N, C-alpha and C. Protein backbone atom coordinates (compact mmCIF):
# COMPACT_ATOMS: atom_id res chain seq x y z
N UNK A 1 4.04 24.02 -23.55
CA UNK A 1 4.33 23.17 -22.29
C UNK A 1 5.92 23.48 -21.77
N UNK A 2 5.55 23.27 -20.18
CA UNK A 2 6.96 23.83 -19.33
C UNK A 2 8.15 23.00 -19.55
N UNK A 3 9.15 23.36 -20.04
CA UNK A 3 10.50 22.69 -20.16
C UNK A 3 10.88 22.04 -18.92
N UNK A 4 10.49 22.37 -18.07
CA UNK A 4 11.33 21.55 -17.11
C UNK A 4 10.35 20.29 -16.55
N UNK A 5 9.26 20.04 -17.09
CA UNK A 5 8.26 18.94 -16.91
C UNK A 5 7.99 18.96 -17.84
N UNK A 6 8.83 18.08 -19.56
CA UNK A 6 7.99 17.68 -20.04
C UNK A 6 6.87 16.74 -20.47
N UNK A 7 6.04 16.10 -21.29
CA UNK A 7 4.71 15.34 -21.29
C UNK A 7 5.69 13.96 -20.99
N UNK A 8 6.81 13.31 -21.33
CA UNK A 8 7.34 12.19 -20.74
C UNK A 8 7.63 11.75 -19.62
N UNK A 9 8.40 12.81 -18.54
CA UNK A 9 8.79 12.60 -17.60
C UNK A 9 7.36 12.90 -16.16
N UNK A 10 6.33 13.78 -16.53
CA UNK A 10 5.00 13.49 -16.53
C UNK A 10 4.38 12.27 -16.42
N UNK A 11 4.42 11.67 -17.24
CA UNK A 11 4.01 10.05 -17.31
C UNK A 11 4.90 9.27 -16.75
N UNK A 12 6.29 9.43 -16.60
CA UNK A 12 6.66 8.60 -15.70
C UNK A 12 6.71 8.63 -14.82
N UNK A 13 6.69 9.46 -14.22
CA UNK A 13 6.18 10.20 -12.23
C UNK A 13 4.63 9.75 -11.86
N UNK A 14 3.98 9.79 -13.07
CA UNK A 14 2.03 9.37 -12.79
C UNK A 14 2.31 8.03 -12.71
N UNK A 15 3.37 7.16 -13.74
CA UNK A 15 3.30 5.61 -13.89
C UNK A 15 4.14 5.21 -12.46
N UNK A 16 4.79 5.88 -11.75
CA UNK A 16 6.19 5.61 -10.38
C UNK A 16 4.78 5.49 -9.77
N UNK A 17 3.65 6.11 -9.49
CA UNK A 17 3.34 6.31 -8.00
C UNK A 17 2.00 5.42 -8.31
N UNK A 18 1.51 5.45 -9.72
CA UNK A 18 0.39 4.02 -9.75
C UNK A 18 1.03 2.70 -10.10
N UNK A 19 2.39 2.50 -10.46
CA UNK A 19 3.08 1.21 -10.29
C UNK A 19 3.22 1.01 -8.58
N UNK A 20 3.46 1.69 -8.01
CA UNK A 20 3.85 1.79 -6.42
C UNK A 20 2.20 0.83 -5.88
N UNK A 21 1.51 1.95 -6.10
CA UNK A 21 -0.65 1.77 -5.73
C UNK A 21 -0.68 0.41 -6.10
N UNK A 22 -0.63 0.02 -7.18
CA UNK A 22 -1.19 -1.14 -8.00
C UNK A 22 -0.06 -2.62 -7.62
N UNK A 23 0.82 -2.38 -7.43
CA UNK A 23 1.98 -3.42 -6.48
C UNK A 23 1.46 -3.78 -5.61
N UNK A 24 1.51 -3.04 -4.69
CA UNK A 24 0.42 -3.19 -3.15
C UNK A 24 -0.45 -3.43 -3.24
N UNK A 25 -1.50 -3.18 -3.60
CA UNK A 25 -2.92 -3.70 -4.09
C UNK A 25 -3.22 -5.06 -4.64
N UNK A 26 -2.27 -5.27 -5.97
CA UNK A 26 -2.28 -6.68 -6.57
C UNK A 26 -2.24 -7.34 -5.65
N UNK A 27 -0.99 -7.23 -4.77
CA UNK A 27 -0.50 -8.20 -3.64
C UNK A 27 -1.30 -8.51 -2.75
N UNK A 28 -1.73 -7.37 -2.06
CA UNK A 28 -2.42 -7.52 -0.88
C UNK A 28 -3.80 -9.00 -1.29
N UNK A 29 -4.57 -8.36 -2.58
CA UNK A 29 -5.47 -8.89 -3.28
C UNK A 29 -4.97 -10.58 -2.94
N UNK A 30 -4.02 -10.66 -4.03
CA UNK A 30 -3.20 -12.12 -4.30
C UNK A 30 -2.79 -12.56 -3.00
N UNK A 31 -2.73 -12.32 -1.93
CA UNK A 31 -2.65 -12.71 -0.86
C UNK A 31 -3.82 -13.43 0.00
N UNK A 32 -4.53 -12.46 -0.25
CA UNK A 32 -5.90 -12.52 0.43
C UNK A 32 -6.65 -14.00 0.07
N UNK A 33 -6.58 -14.22 -1.57
CA UNK A 33 -6.76 -14.89 -2.17
C UNK A 33 -6.37 -15.96 -2.02
N UNK A 34 -5.20 -16.51 -1.73
CA UNK A 34 -4.26 -17.34 -2.03
C UNK A 34 -4.79 -18.34 -0.36
N UNK A 35 -4.52 -17.38 0.46
CA UNK A 35 -4.56 -17.97 2.10
C UNK A 35 -6.47 -17.92 2.37
N UNK A 36 -6.92 -17.59 1.42
CA UNK A 36 -8.77 -17.88 1.45
C UNK A 36 -8.16 -19.50 0.82
N UNK A 37 -7.17 -19.87 -0.62
CA UNK A 37 -7.58 -20.87 -0.83
C UNK A 37 -6.80 -22.00 -0.38
N UNK A 38 -6.17 -21.79 0.21
CA UNK A 38 -5.46 -22.66 1.07
C UNK A 38 -5.85 -23.15 2.35
N UNK A 39 -7.39 -22.34 2.78
CA UNK A 39 -7.75 -22.89 3.79
C UNK A 39 -6.84 -22.00 5.05
N UNK A 40 -5.86 -21.42 5.13
CA UNK A 40 -5.32 -20.01 6.39
C UNK A 40 -6.57 -19.40 6.53
N UNK A 41 -7.01 -18.80 5.70
CA UNK A 41 -8.37 -17.69 6.35
C UNK A 41 -9.37 -18.69 5.90
N UNK A 42 -10.09 -18.18 7.07
CA UNK A 42 -11.72 -18.96 6.41
C UNK A 42 -12.24 -18.37 5.21
N UNK A 43 -13.23 -19.52 4.65
CA UNK A 43 -14.18 -18.74 3.59
C UNK A 43 -14.93 -17.44 3.69
N UNK A 44 -14.49 -16.38 2.38
CA UNK A 44 -15.15 -15.62 1.88
C UNK A 44 -16.35 -14.99 2.74
N UNK A 45 -16.81 -14.07 3.34
CA UNK A 45 -17.57 -13.57 4.02
C UNK A 45 -17.53 -14.13 5.49
N UNK A 46 -16.58 -15.13 6.10
CA UNK A 46 -16.86 -15.78 6.93
C UNK A 46 -15.60 -14.39 8.28
N UNK A 47 -16.29 -14.75 9.71
CA UNK A 47 -15.80 -13.98 10.27
C UNK A 47 -14.35 -14.25 10.56
N UNK A 48 -12.96 -13.83 10.80
CA UNK A 48 -11.92 -14.49 11.16
C UNK A 48 -11.23 -14.15 12.46
N UNK A 49 -10.41 -14.51 13.02
CA UNK A 49 -9.94 -14.32 14.60
C UNK A 49 -9.15 -13.02 14.39
N UNK A 50 -8.88 -12.39 15.28
CA UNK A 50 -7.40 -11.23 15.79
C UNK A 50 -6.41 -11.50 14.96
N UNK A 51 -6.05 -12.82 15.40
CA UNK A 51 -4.80 -13.46 15.21
C UNK A 51 -4.35 -13.14 13.47
N UNK A 52 -6.12 -13.96 12.84
CA UNK A 52 -5.34 -14.05 11.60
C UNK A 52 -5.70 -12.06 10.58
N UNK A 53 -6.01 -11.89 11.35
CA UNK A 53 -6.18 -10.28 10.92
C UNK A 53 -5.06 -9.14 11.60
N UNK A 54 -4.35 -9.53 12.58
CA UNK A 54 -2.81 -9.61 12.55
C UNK A 54 -1.92 -9.67 11.31
N UNK A 55 -1.96 -11.26 10.74
CA UNK A 55 -1.83 -11.85 9.84
C UNK A 55 -1.83 -10.44 8.38
N UNK A 56 -2.90 -10.58 8.37
CA UNK A 56 -2.99 -9.39 7.21
C UNK A 56 -2.76 -8.39 7.09
N UNK A 57 -2.74 -7.81 8.49
CA UNK A 57 -2.07 -6.47 8.43
C UNK A 57 -0.30 -6.44 8.05
N UNK A 58 -0.08 -7.38 8.94
CA UNK A 58 1.40 -7.53 8.51
C UNK A 58 1.69 -7.37 7.16
N UNK A 59 1.34 -8.47 6.19
CA UNK A 59 1.94 -8.56 4.69
C UNK A 59 1.11 -7.32 4.11
N UNK A 60 -0.01 -6.47 4.71
CA UNK A 60 -0.29 -5.40 3.76
C UNK A 60 1.00 -4.35 4.40
N UNK A 61 1.14 -4.44 5.24
CA UNK A 61 2.47 -2.89 5.69
C UNK A 61 3.42 -3.53 5.22
N UNK A 62 3.96 -5.13 4.96
CA UNK A 62 4.98 -5.67 3.89
C UNK A 62 4.96 -5.06 2.62
N UNK A 63 3.93 -5.15 1.97
CA UNK A 63 3.43 -4.96 0.62
C UNK A 63 3.12 -3.03 0.21
N UNK A 64 3.17 -2.89 1.65
CA UNK A 64 3.09 -0.92 1.37
C UNK A 64 4.16 -0.47 1.16
N UNK A 65 4.98 -1.08 2.19
CA UNK A 65 6.59 -0.75 2.23
C UNK A 65 7.25 -1.10 0.93
N UNK A 66 6.43 -2.04 0.09
CA UNK A 66 7.79 -2.41 -1.03
C UNK A 66 6.91 -1.41 -2.57
N UNK A 67 5.68 -0.85 -1.75
CA UNK A 67 5.17 0.09 -2.75
C UNK A 67 6.04 1.14 -3.14
N UNK A 68 6.28 1.82 -1.97
CA UNK A 68 7.06 3.32 -1.75
C UNK A 68 8.44 2.97 -2.28
N UNK A 69 8.81 1.47 -1.92
CA UNK A 69 10.03 1.34 -2.47
C UNK A 69 9.92 1.60 -4.27
N UNK A 70 9.03 0.71 -4.64
CA UNK A 70 9.00 1.03 -6.32
C UNK A 70 8.92 1.83 -6.80
N UNK A 71 7.98 2.68 -6.29
CA UNK A 71 7.49 4.55 -6.75
C UNK A 71 8.34 5.05 -6.57
N UNK A 72 9.80 5.06 -5.47
CA UNK A 72 10.88 5.44 -5.48
C UNK A 72 11.81 5.27 -6.08
N UNK A 73 11.83 3.95 -6.72
CA UNK A 73 12.75 4.03 -7.56
C UNK A 73 12.57 3.95 -9.22
N UNK A 74 11.02 4.12 -9.56
CA UNK A 74 11.11 4.55 -10.38
C UNK A 74 10.23 5.90 -11.13
N UNK A 75 10.78 6.70 -9.94
CA UNK A 75 10.63 8.38 -9.82
C UNK A 75 11.71 8.44 -10.84
N UNK A 76 11.42 9.21 -11.68
CA UNK A 76 12.59 10.08 -13.05
C UNK A 76 13.36 11.10 -11.70
N UNK A 77 12.59 11.78 -11.01
CA UNK A 77 13.39 12.86 -10.06
C UNK A 77 12.46 12.56 -9.01
N UNK A 78 12.85 13.48 -7.89
CA UNK A 78 12.80 13.68 -6.47
C UNK A 78 11.84 12.38 -5.86
N UNK A 79 12.11 11.29 -5.92
CA UNK A 79 11.53 10.26 -5.67
C UNK A 79 10.90 10.39 -4.12
N UNK A 80 11.36 11.18 -2.95
CA UNK A 80 10.43 11.34 -2.23
C UNK A 80 8.94 12.22 -2.41
N UNK A 81 9.40 12.87 -3.21
CA UNK A 81 8.45 13.48 -3.92
C UNK A 81 6.76 12.51 -4.23
N UNK A 82 7.19 11.87 -4.94
CA UNK A 82 6.47 10.72 -5.58
C UNK A 82 5.96 10.12 -4.64
N UNK A 83 6.81 9.22 -3.41
CA UNK A 83 6.37 8.40 -2.21
C UNK A 83 5.87 9.31 -1.93
N UNK A 84 5.79 10.44 -1.38
CA UNK A 84 4.42 11.36 -0.43
C UNK A 84 3.74 11.30 -1.17
N UNK A 85 3.54 11.41 -2.90
CA UNK A 85 2.40 11.24 -3.07
C UNK A 85 1.14 9.84 -3.25
N UNK A 86 2.12 8.90 -3.70
CA UNK A 86 1.76 7.23 -2.95
C UNK A 86 1.12 7.33 -1.18
N UNK A 87 1.81 7.77 -0.69
CA UNK A 87 1.28 7.62 0.40
C UNK A 87 0.00 8.45 0.89
N UNK A 88 -0.08 9.38 0.35
CA UNK A 88 -1.43 10.61 0.19
C UNK A 88 -2.50 9.71 -0.45
N UNK A 89 -2.07 8.92 -1.69
CA UNK A 89 -3.53 8.29 -2.02
C UNK A 89 -3.56 7.02 -1.43
N UNK A 90 -2.43 6.65 -0.73
CA UNK A 90 -2.70 5.38 0.31
C UNK A 90 -3.55 5.63 1.75
N UNK A 91 -3.44 6.50 2.27
CA UNK A 91 -4.12 6.65 3.22
C UNK A 91 -5.64 7.28 2.79
N UNK A 92 -5.97 7.98 1.82
CA UNK A 92 -7.07 8.08 1.40
C UNK A 92 -7.35 6.75 1.47
N UNK A 93 -7.02 5.72 0.20
CA UNK A 93 -7.46 4.30 -0.16
C UNK A 93 -7.70 4.36 1.41
N UNK A 94 -7.15 4.11 2.51
CA UNK A 94 -7.31 3.23 3.85
C UNK A 94 -8.60 4.00 4.45
N UNK A 95 -8.40 5.11 4.37
CA UNK A 95 -9.57 6.38 5.68
C UNK A 95 -11.23 5.37 4.22
N UNK A 96 -11.02 5.36 3.23
CA UNK A 96 -11.62 4.83 2.43
C UNK A 96 -12.29 3.51 3.03
N UNK A 97 -11.61 3.00 2.75
CA UNK A 97 -12.02 1.64 3.75
C UNK A 97 -12.73 1.34 4.91
N UNK A 98 -11.90 2.00 5.96
CA UNK A 98 -12.59 2.40 7.34
C UNK A 98 -14.02 2.61 7.33
N UNK A 99 -14.72 3.26 6.32
CA UNK A 99 -15.34 4.55 6.53
C UNK A 99 -16.15 3.64 5.86
N UNK A 100 -16.08 2.71 4.80
CA UNK A 100 -16.88 1.52 3.94
C UNK A 100 -17.38 0.56 4.91
N UNK A 101 -16.11 0.15 5.76
CA UNK A 101 -16.41 -1.02 6.10
C UNK A 101 -16.85 -1.18 7.88
N UNK A 102 -16.42 0.39 8.48
CA UNK A 102 -16.75 0.36 9.91
C UNK A 102 -17.91 -0.51 10.79
N UNK A 103 -19.09 -0.31 9.91
CA UNK A 103 -20.50 -1.09 10.78
C UNK A 103 -20.79 -1.75 9.45
N UNK A 104 -20.14 -2.56 8.73
CA UNK A 104 -20.24 -3.62 8.11
C UNK A 104 -20.66 -5.00 8.63
N UNK A 105 -20.31 -5.13 9.48
CA UNK A 105 -20.60 -6.56 10.13
C UNK A 105 -19.18 -7.52 10.36
N UNK A 106 -19.26 -8.29 11.29
CA UNK A 106 -18.02 -9.21 11.83
C UNK A 106 -17.15 -9.65 10.81
N UNK A 107 -17.54 -9.82 9.59
CA UNK A 107 -16.43 -10.35 8.60
C UNK A 107 -15.90 -9.31 8.11
N UNK A 108 -15.94 -8.13 8.46
CA UNK A 108 -14.61 -6.95 8.14
C UNK A 108 -14.31 -6.57 9.13
N UNK A 109 -13.58 -7.41 10.25
CA UNK A 109 -13.04 -7.81 11.44
C UNK A 109 -13.53 -6.27 12.45
N UNK A 110 -12.75 -6.83 13.40
CA UNK A 110 -12.77 -5.80 14.66
C UNK A 110 -12.02 -4.23 14.37
N UNK A 111 -12.59 -3.31 15.24
CA UNK A 111 -12.26 -2.01 14.64
C UNK A 111 -11.00 -1.71 14.51
N UNK A 112 -10.22 -2.32 14.71
CA UNK A 112 -8.77 -1.85 15.35
C UNK A 112 -7.97 -2.27 13.96
N UNK A 113 -8.67 -2.93 13.02
CA UNK A 113 -7.60 -3.45 12.10
C UNK A 113 -7.62 -1.86 10.78
N UNK A 114 -8.93 -1.91 10.43
CA UNK A 114 -8.78 -0.93 9.08
C UNK A 114 -8.31 1.05 9.99
N UNK A 115 -8.29 0.90 11.63
CA UNK A 115 -7.40 1.63 12.00
C UNK A 115 -5.91 1.48 12.30
N UNK A 116 -5.59 0.57 11.96
CA UNK A 116 -3.98 0.10 11.87
C UNK A 116 -3.72 0.28 10.35
N UNK A 117 -4.58 -0.17 9.16
CA UNK A 117 -4.06 0.37 8.35
C UNK A 117 -3.68 1.63 8.03
N UNK A 118 -5.17 2.45 8.40
CA UNK A 118 -4.87 4.10 8.21
C UNK A 118 -3.60 4.42 8.73
N UNK A 119 -3.18 4.03 10.35
CA UNK A 119 -2.58 4.64 10.62
C UNK A 119 -0.92 4.47 10.58
N UNK A 120 -0.31 3.13 9.25
CA UNK A 120 0.70 2.41 9.05
C UNK A 120 1.10 2.97 7.73
N UNK A 121 -0.08 3.38 6.98
CA UNK A 121 -0.03 3.89 5.66
C UNK A 121 0.80 4.69 5.25
N UNK A 122 0.87 6.12 5.97
CA UNK A 122 1.99 7.06 5.91
C UNK A 122 3.39 6.53 5.99
N UNK A 123 3.52 5.79 7.24
CA UNK A 123 5.16 5.48 7.53
C UNK A 123 5.57 4.54 6.73
N UNK A 124 4.43 3.63 6.24
CA UNK A 124 5.14 2.60 5.80
C UNK A 124 5.22 2.80 4.47
N UNK A 125 4.80 3.30 3.78
CA UNK A 125 5.13 3.73 2.15
C UNK A 125 6.60 5.06 2.27
N UNK A 126 6.52 5.54 3.51
CA UNK A 126 7.78 6.34 3.43
C UNK A 126 9.38 5.24 3.73
N UNK A 127 8.87 4.22 4.41
CA UNK A 127 9.75 3.64 4.95
C UNK A 127 10.36 2.99 3.55
N UNK A 128 9.67 2.23 2.71
CA UNK A 128 9.97 2.08 1.53
C UNK A 128 11.15 2.63 0.60
N UNK A 129 10.37 4.64 0.62
CA UNK A 129 10.93 5.39 0.11
C UNK A 129 12.47 5.47 0.40
N UNK A 130 12.35 5.37 1.95
CA UNK A 130 13.82 5.23 2.49
C UNK A 130 14.67 4.23 2.00
N UNK A 131 14.37 3.17 1.98
CA UNK A 131 15.03 1.92 1.74
C UNK A 131 14.92 2.18 0.15
N UNK A 132 14.35 2.51 -0.42
CA UNK A 132 15.19 3.06 -2.19
C UNK A 132 16.28 3.78 -2.01
N UNK A 133 16.04 5.10 -1.58
CA UNK A 133 17.65 5.87 -1.40
C UNK A 133 18.32 5.81 -1.16
N UNK A 134 18.14 4.59 0.34
CA UNK A 134 19.58 4.30 0.59
C UNK A 134 20.10 3.11 -0.64
N UNK A 135 19.53 2.01 -1.03
CA UNK A 135 19.65 1.19 -2.21
C UNK A 135 20.23 1.90 -3.31
N UNK A 136 20.10 3.19 -3.43
CA UNK A 136 20.04 3.98 -4.62
C UNK A 136 22.04 4.47 -4.23
N UNK A 137 21.97 4.89 -3.19
CA UNK A 137 22.79 5.76 -2.82
C UNK A 137 24.05 4.88 -2.46
N UNK A 138 24.07 3.22 -2.74
CA UNK A 138 24.64 2.42 -2.53
C UNK A 138 25.37 1.89 -3.65
N UNK A 139 24.69 2.01 -4.74
CA UNK A 139 24.92 1.41 -5.97
C UNK A 139 26.25 2.92 -6.11
């Protein structure tokens, strides 16, 4: 094994990226579930208004920033390299979601919604990483 990257450090690196990804995913899905349950969003499978998709875009962007922050804080070294790994994974996930739902029907939203998630993926994760670096520098 390479002395510069012992197995424990590699596992910590993978864990940092996965933690950021799953935090973003779980927070997004949990918020969706809560907003459907309390009646802010219509029942599952029903179309939503543009305003509700804008709300979903806003909280998903905040959670994506948080995912970048978590990844940077947990990274054993080179936090922004870990953040970029998460950003690429997030971009691929957003692109996959766009392709999967593009012609799936109005319940999946207007065309701008998945495009916004794709466009915001990289800068949101990057912003979270920068916030983490700033917080670390202040300590």
